[in-house]
């Protein structure tokens, strides 16, 4: 009886895993898993420039991060962030395949370190033109800053 050599079978399993992934996910979905995540969305209006200078005024303490987590997973209106951005914040929410471009991956540290607090604030408050990201006008400024603290906690170096 011949034994199975795992070293010779491993490349086959690796190939099959990749093939299955590419069948179920489009090339854009695969590209969206890259870190850093490259975006080609339209630039915001001129008034956006003043937002780029904004810094989060809230302390990144457990209370604020937990409040942001609750907003992300269930309390944000009109829809919880995780529906699009995924439970892990990786961009693979339950409806991500219906969205072009795919939702932002907040777990990618290389991407997130280059996004200023003010830009995140703008996008949450006003939406992102050229994407399916809608404006969240009903969130207070404090809630938006708490949400940003939570998003930053998802991206680890």
C-alpha atoms as a PDB file:
ATOM      1  CA  UNK A   1       0.000   0.000   0.000  1.00  0.00           C
ATOM      2  CA  UNK A   2       1.377   3.379  -1.036  1.00  0.00           C
ATOM      3  CA  UNK A   3       1.265   6.304   1.416  1.00  0.00           C
ATOM      4  CA  UNK A   4       0.229   9.781   0.419  1.00  0.00           C
ATOM      5  CA  UNK A   5       3.061  12.324   0.311  1.00  0.00           C
ATOM      6  CA  UNK A   6       1.578  15.571   1.695  1.00  0.00           C
ATOM      7  CA  UNK A   7       4.382  17.663   0.207  1.00  0.00           C
ATOM      8  CA  UNK A   8       3.371  16.612  -3.285  1.00  0.00           C
ATOM      9  CA  UNK A   9      -0.372  17.130  -2.669  1.00  0.00           C
ATOM     10  CA  UNK A  10      -0.143  20.542  -0.990  1.00  0.00           C
ATOM     11  CA  UNK A  11       0.351  22.532  -4.245  1.00  0.00           C
ATOM     12  CA  UNK A  12      -2.739  20.853  -5.686  1.00  0.00           C
ATOM     13  CA  UNK A  13      -4.816  21.885  -2.670  1.00  0.00           C
ATOM     14  CA  UNK A  14      -3.454  25.416  -2.899  1.00  0.00           C
ATOM     15  CA  UNK A  15      -4.378  25.595  -6.586  1.00  0.00           C
ATOM     16  CA  UNK A  16      -7.880  24.216  -5.936  1.00  0.00           C
ATOM     17  CA  UNK A  17      -8.471  26.757  -3.165  1.00  0.00           C
ATOM     18  CA  UNK A  18      -7.456  29.597  -5.506  1.00  0.00           C
ATOM     19  CA  UNK A  19      -9.588  28.183  -8.363  1.00  0.00           C
ATOM     20  CA  UNK A  20     -12.662  27.904  -6.155  1.00  0.00           C
ATOM     21  CA  UNK A  21     -12.139  31.456  -4.889  1.00  0.00           C
ATOM     22  CA  UNK A  22     -11.877  32.837  -8.428  1.00  0.00           C
ATOM     23  CA  UNK A  23     -15.028  31.004  -9.534  1.00  0.00           C
ATOM     24  CA  UNK A  24     -17.119  32.433  -6.708  1.00  0.00           C
ATOM     25  CA  UNK A  25     -15.568  35.901  -6.642  1.00  0.00           C
ATOM     26  CA  UNK A  26     -14.973  38.265  -9.539  1.00  0.00           C
ATOM     27  CA  UNK A  27     -11.491  39.648 -10.353  1.00  0.00           C
ATOM     28  CA  UNK A  28     -12.543  42.930  -8.718  1.00  0.00           C
ATOM     29  CA  UNK A  29     -13.404  41.059  -5.510  1.00  0.00           C
ATOM     30  CA  UNK A  30     -10.009  39.395  -5.543  1.00  0.00           C
ATOM     31  CA  UNK A  31      -8.314  42.746  -6.146  1.00  0.00           C
ATOM     32  CA  UNK A  32     -10.285  44.254  -3.272  1.00  0.00           C
ATOM     33  CA  UNK A  33      -8.617  41.765  -0.922  1.00  0.00           C
ATOM     34  CA  UNK A  34      -5.228  43.250  -1.678  1.00  0.00           C
ATOM     35  CA  UNK A  35      -3.632  45.380   0.947  1.00  0.00           C
ATOM     36  CA  UNK A  36      -3.186  48.264   0.473  1.00  0.00           C
ATOM     37  CA  UNK A  37      -6.528  48.680  -1.218  1.00  0.00           C
ATOM     38  CA  UNK A  38      -6.292  50.957  -4.257  1.00  0.00           C
ATOM     39  CA  UNK A  39      -9.311  53.153  -4.948  1.00  0.00           C
ATOM     40  CA  UNK A  40     -10.151  55.152  -8.045  1.00  0.00           C
ATOM     41  CA  UNK A  41     -13.172  57.057  -6.801  1.00  0.00           C
ATOM     42  CA  UNK A  42     -13.946  60.617  -7.815  1.00  0.00           C
ATOM     43  CA  UNK A  43     -12.459  63.399  -5.698  1.00  0.00           C
ATOM     44  CA  UNK A  44     -14.874  65.220  -3.387  1.00  0.00           C
ATOM     45  CA  UNK A  45     -15.889  68.866  -3.902  1.00  0.00           C
ATOM     46  CA  UNK A  46     -13.602  71.774  -3.021  1.00  0.00           C
ATOM     47  CA  UNK A  47     -15.130  72.187   0.442  1.00  0.00           C
ATOM     48  CA  UNK A  48     -13.639  68.781   1.327  1.00  0.00           C
ATOM     49  CA  UNK A  49     -10.169  70.350   1.747  1.00  0.00           C
ATOM     50  CA  UNK A  50     -11.086  71.878   5.126  1.00  0.00           C
ATOM     51  CA  UNK A  51     -12.120  68.437   6.391  1.00  0.00           C
ATOM     52  CA  UNK A  52      -8.701  66.931   5.638  1.00  0.00           C
ATOM     53  CA  UNK A  53      -7.230  68.966   8.500  1.00  0.00           C
ATOM     54  CA  UNK A  54      -9.679  67.594  11.083  1.00  0.00           C
ATOM     55  CA  UNK A  55      -8.357  65.326  13.825  1.00  0.00           C
ATOM     56  CA  UNK A  56     -10.515  63.086  15.949  1.00  0.00           C
ATOM     57  CA  UNK A  57     -11.184  65.031  19.170  1.00  0.00           C
ATOM     58  CA  UNK A  58     -12.246  61.934  21.145  1.00  0.00           C
ATOM     59  CA  UNK A  59      -9.967  59.808  23.261  1.00  0.00           C
ATOM     60  CA  UNK A  60      -9.495  56.284  21.881  1.00  0.00           C
ATOM     61  CA  UNK A  61     -10.733  54.778  25.145  1.00  0.00           C
ATOM     62  CA  UNK A  62     -12.798  51.614  25.551  1.00  0.00           C
ATOM     63  CA  UNK A  63     -16.078  53.513  25.969  1.00  0.00           C
ATOM     64  CA  UNK A  64     -15.726  55.445  22.694  1.00  0.00           C
ATOM     65  CA  UNK A  65     -14.467  52.435  20.726  1.00  0.00           C
ATOM     66  CA  UNK A  66     -17.324  50.288  22.055  1.00  0.00           C
ATOM     67  CA  UNK A  67     -19.853  52.966  21.060  1.00  0.00           C
ATOM     68  CA  UNK A  68     -18.320  52.981  17.567  1.00  0.00           C
ATOM     69  CA  UNK A  69     -18.469  49.176  17.452  1.00  0.00           C
ATOM     70  CA  UNK A  70     -22.182  49.261  18.297  1.00  0.00           C
ATOM     71  CA  UNK A  71     -22.800  51.789  15.520  1.00  0.00           C
ATOM     72  CA  UNK A  72     -20.843  49.710  13.015  1.00  0.00           C
ATOM     73  CA  UNK A  73     -22.587  46.439  13.822  1.00  0.00           C
ATOM     74  CA  UNK A  74     -26.171  47.518  14.485  1.00  0.00           C
ATOM     75  CA  UNK A  75     -27.048  51.105  15.466  1.00  0.00           C
ATOM     76  CA  UNK A  76     -26.025  53.264  12.479  1.00  0.00           C
ATOM     77  CA  UNK A  77     -28.998  54.470  10.464  1.00  0.00           C
ATOM     78  CA  UNK A  78     -30.215  54.029   7.765  1.00  0.00           C
ATOM     79  CA  UNK A  79     -28.163  50.766   7.701  1.00  0.00           C
ATOM     80  CA  UNK A  80     -25.523  49.163   9.895  1.00  0.00           C
ATOM     81  CA  UNK A  81     -22.028  49.447   8.421  1.00  0.00           C
ATOM     82  CA  UNK A  82     -21.360  45.705   8.672  1.00  0.00           C
ATOM     83  CA  UNK A  83     -24.035  44.964   6.053  1.00  0.00           C
ATOM     84  CA  UNK A  84     -21.684  46.358   3.397  1.00  0.00           C
ATOM     85  CA  UNK A  85     -18.268  46.338   5.084  1.00  0.00           C
ATOM     86  CA  UNK A  86     -18.571  42.917   6.717  1.00  0.00           C
ATOM     87  CA  UNK A  87     -18.555  41.661  10.288  1.00  0.00           C
ATOM     88  CA  UNK A  88     -14.753  41.918  10.381  1.00  0.00           C
ATOM     89  CA  UNK A  89     -14.692  45.267   8.545  1.00  0.00           C
ATOM     90  CA  UNK A  90     -12.823  43.602   5.666  1.00  0.00           C
ATOM     91  CA  UNK A  91     -15.215  44.779   2.931  1.00  0.00           C
ATOM     92  CA  UNK A  92     -17.032  41.453   2.562  1.00  0.00           C
ATOM     93  CA  UNK A  93     -20.491  42.264   3.907  1.00  0.00           C
ATOM     94  CA  UNK A  94     -23.552  40.273   2.915  1.00  0.00           C
ATOM     95  CA  UNK A  95     -24.275  42.573  -0.043  1.00  0.00           C
ATOM     96  CA  UNK A  96     -20.707  43.418  -1.128  1.00  0.00           C
ATOM     97  CA  UNK A  97     -21.079  41.664  -4.506  1.00  0.00           C
ATOM     98  CA  UNK A  98     -23.853  44.095  -5.486  1.00  0.00           C
ATOM     99  CA  UNK A  99     -21.540  47.055  -4.951  1.00  0.00           C
ATOM    100  CA  UNK A 100     -19.052  48.564  -7.392  1.00  0.00           C
ATOM    101  CA  UNK A 101     -16.477  49.476  -6.267  1.00  0.00           C
ATOM    102  CA  UNK A 102     -16.501  47.020  -3.393  1.00  0.00           C
ATOM    103  CA  UNK A 103     -16.721  48.428   0.140  1.00  0.00           C
ATOM    104  CA  UNK A 104     -13.577  49.668   1.864  1.00  0.00           C
ATOM    105  CA  UNK A 105     -11.485  47.146   3.796  1.00  0.00           C
ATOM    106  CA  UNK A 106     -10.891  48.759   7.193  1.00  0.00           C
ATOM    107  CA  UNK A 107      -8.609  45.921   8.332  1.00  0.00           C
ATOM    108  CA  UNK A 108      -5.802  46.914   5.950  1.00  0.00           C
ATOM    109  CA  UNK A 109      -3.364  48.964   8.029  1.00  0.00           C
ATOM    110  CA  UNK A 110      -1.401  50.152   4.980  1.00  0.00           C
ATOM    111  CA  UNK A 111      -4.565  51.660   3.519  1.00  0.00           C
ATOM    112  CA  UNK A 112      -6.014  53.055   6.723  1.00  0.00           C
ATOM    113  CA  UNK A 113      -2.827  54.766   7.915  1.00  0.00           C
ATOM    114  CA  UNK A 114      -2.961  56.937   4.790  1.00  0.00           C
ATOM    115  CA  UNK A 115      -6.578  58.027   5.259  1.00  0.00           C
ATOM    116  CA  UNK A 116      -6.902  61.147   7.445  1.00  0.00           C
ATOM    117  CA  UNK A 117      -9.560  61.313  10.175  1.00  0.00           C
ATOM    118  CA  UNK A 118     -11.206  64.228   8.375  1.00  0.00           C
ATOM    119  CA  UNK A 119     -11.556  62.220   5.166  1.00  0.00           C
ATOM    120  CA  UNK A 120     -13.288  59.408   7.036  1.00  0.00           C
ATOM    121  CA  UNK A 121     -15.541  61.987   8.715  1.00  0.00           C
ATOM    122  CA  UNK A 122     -16.460  63.509   5.335  1.00  0.00           C
ATOM    123  CA  UNK A 123     -17.237  60.151   3.729  1.00  0.00           C
ATOM    124  CA  UNK A 124     -19.416  59.003   6.642  1.00  0.00           C
ATOM    125  CA  UNK A 125     -21.282  62.317   6.845  1.00  0.00           C
ATOM    126  CA  UNK A 126     -21.610  63.070   3.110  1.00  0.00           C
ATOM    127  CA  UNK A 127     -21.162  59.698   1.374  1.00  0.00           C
ATOM    128  CA  UNK A 128     -18.668  58.933  -1.370  1.00  0.00           C
ATOM    129  CA  UNK A 129     -19.551  60.030  -4.909  1.00  0.00           C
ATOM    130  CA  UNK A 130     -19.054  57.265  -7.449  1.00  0.00           C
ATOM    131  CA  UNK A 131     -19.635  54.502  -4.877  1.00  0.00           C
ATOM    132  CA  UNK A 132     -22.635  53.034  -3.070  1.00  0.00           C
ATOM    133  CA  UNK A 133     -21.507  54.662   0.199  1.00  0.00           C
ATOM    134  CA  UNK A 134     -24.463  56.772   1.295  1.00  0.00           C
ATOM    135  CA  UNK A 135     -24.456  59.778   3.605  1.00  0.00           C
ATOM    136  CA  UNK A 136     -25.157  59.175   7.290  1.00  0.00           C
ATOM    137  CA  UNK A 137     -26.648  62.569   8.160  1.00  0.00           C
ATOM    138  CA  UNK A 138     -28.518  61.194  11.164  1.00  0.00           C
ATOM    139  CA  UNK A 139     -25.315  60.399  13.048  1.00  0.00           C
ATOM    140  CA  UNK A 140     -24.111  63.103  15.418  1.00  0.00           C
ATOM    141  CA  UNK A 141     -20.547  64.399  15.162  1.00  0.00           C
ATOM    142  CA  UNK A 142     -19.673  62.482  18.331  1.00  0.00           C
ATOM    143  CA  UNK A 143     -21.082  59.255  16.856  1.00  0.00           C
ATOM    144  CA  UNK A 144     -19.068  59.713  13.656  1.00  0.00           C
ATOM    145  CA  UNK A 145     -15.868  60.242  15.651  1.00  0.00           C
ATOM    146  CA  UNK A 146     -16.645  57.151  17.750  1.00  0.00           C
ATOM    147  CA  UNK A 147     -17.210  55.154  14.594  1.00  0.00           C
ATOM    148  CA  UNK A 148     -13.857  56.352  13.243  1.00  0.00           C
ATOM    149  CA  UNK A 149     -12.143  55.209  16.444  1.00  0.00           C
ATOM    150  CA  UNK A 150     -13.664  51.758  15.963  1.00  0.00           C
ATOM    151  CA  UNK A 151     -12.628  51.650  12.292  1.00  0.00           C
ATOM    152  CA  UNK A 152      -9.060  52.530  13.279  1.00  0.00           C
ATOM    153  CA  UNK A 153      -9.095  49.710  15.855  1.00  0.00           C
ATOM    154  CA  UNK A 154      -9.737  47.187  13.066  1.00  0.00           C
ATOM    155  CA  UNK A 155      -6.491  47.997  11.234  1.00  0.00           C
ATOM    156  CA  UNK A 156      -3.520  46.433  12.991  1.00  0.00           C
ATOM    157  CA  UNK A 157       0.075  46.831  11.761  1.00  0.00           C
END
